[in-house]
């Protein structure tokens, strides 16, 4: 089953940029389709592979940071080629 994931990481500290950059770099070099924009990062692939990949990445950033929010949106299917039709 295909999965589309949108991730938004929000470290709750003044010097938040290095944490965000490190997290994004940790998920860039994969076999998954990864799209980035100023507000979020999207990851597309097979459900089990994506979830098994993300679990340790999330744990690592949570262990390193005292206060951090990670917002996830999960959509069944591969929405990487989405284009508005309106």
Protein backbone atom coordinates (compact mmCIF):
# COMPACT_ATOMS: atom_id res chain seq x y z
CA UNK A 1 0.00 0.00 0.00
CA UNK A 2 1.33 3.42 -0.96
CA UNK A 3 1.60 6.20 1.61
CA UNK A 4 2.06 9.97 1.46
CA UNK A 5 3.43 11.67 4.58
CA UNK A 6 3.75 15.38 5.30
CA UNK A 7 6.12 16.26 8.17
CA UNK A 8 6.49 19.59 9.93
CA UNK A 9 9.12 19.72 12.68
CA UNK A 10 8.95 22.55 15.20
CA UNK A 11 11.68 22.66 17.86
CA UNK A 12 10.58 24.89 20.74
CA UNK A 13 13.77 26.89 21.18
CA UNK A 14 15.37 30.03 19.78
CA UNK A 15 18.05 28.24 17.75
CA UNK A 16 15.68 25.92 15.87
CA UNK A 17 17.16 25.96 12.35
CA UNK A 18 20.03 23.46 12.91
CA UNK A 19 17.59 20.89 14.31
CA UNK A 20 15.25 21.23 11.34
CA UNK A 21 18.11 21.04 8.82
CA UNK A 22 19.56 17.94 10.48
CA UNK A 23 16.16 16.21 10.45
CA UNK A 24 15.54 17.00 6.79
CA UNK A 25 19.05 15.85 5.82
CA UNK A 26 18.47 12.58 7.69
CA UNK A 27 15.50 11.73 5.44
CA UNK A 28 16.79 13.08 2.11
CA UNK A 29 19.06 10.29 0.92
CA UNK A 30 16.59 7.44 0.62
CA UNK A 31 14.85 5.46 -2.09
CA UNK A 32 11.64 7.31 -1.21
CA UNK A 33 10.36 10.31 -3.13
CA UNK A 34 11.08 13.34 -0.93
CA UNK A 35 9.69 16.81 -1.71
CA UNK A 36 10.52 19.88 0.33
CA UNK A 37 9.03 23.34 0.63
CA UNK A 38 9.42 26.14 3.21
CA UNK A 39 6.60 24.80 5.39
CA UNK A 40 7.01 21.01 5.33
CA UNK A 41 8.68 17.96 3.88
CA UNK A 42 6.75 15.24 2.09
CA UNK A 43 7.79 11.60 1.87
CA UNK A 44 6.19 9.04 -0.47
CA UNK A 45 6.61 5.28 -0.60
CA UNK A 46 5.32 1.91 0.57
CA UNK A 47 3.51 2.11 3.91
CA UNK A 48 5.59 -0.41 5.89
CA UNK A 49 8.90 0.87 4.53
CA UNK A 50 8.07 4.54 5.17
CA UNK A 51 6.79 3.95 8.70
CA UNK A 52 9.73 1.69 9.63
CA UNK A 53 12.10 4.34 8.26
CA UNK A 54 10.46 7.24 10.12
CA UNK A 55 10.15 5.66 13.58
CA UNK A 56 13.90 5.80 14.44
CA UNK A 57 14.26 9.24 12.79
CA UNK A 58 11.51 10.63 15.00
CA UNK A 59 12.92 8.93 18.09
CA UNK A 60 16.38 10.41 17.44
CA UNK A 61 15.13 13.99 17.17
CA UNK A 62 12.89 13.54 20.23
CA UNK A 63 15.83 12.21 22.26
CA UNK A 64 18.07 15.14 21.23
CA UNK A 65 15.57 17.92 21.89
CA UNK A 66 13.98 18.98 25.18
CA UNK A 67 10.84 20.33 23.52
CA UNK A 68 9.78 19.63 19.96
CA UNK A 69 6.58 19.19 17.99
CA UNK A 70 6.32 16.95 14.94
CA UNK A 71 3.14 17.23 12.93
CA UNK A 72 2.42 14.31 10.61
CA UNK A 73 -0.25 14.05 7.96
CA UNK A 74 -0.70 10.57 6.57
CA UNK A 75 -2.64 10.01 3.36
CA UNK A 76 -3.29 6.60 1.88
CA UNK A 77 -1.92 6.51 -1.65
CA UNK A 78 0.90 8.22 -3.50
CA UNK A 79 0.02 11.91 -3.89
CA UNK A 80 3.48 12.96 -5.12
CA UNK A 81 2.20 13.76 -8.60
CA UNK A 82 -0.84 15.73 -7.42
CA UNK A 83 -1.78 18.71 -9.55
CA UNK A 84 -4.88 20.82 -8.88
CA UNK A 85 -7.58 20.44 -11.51
CA UNK A 86 -9.50 23.60 -10.68
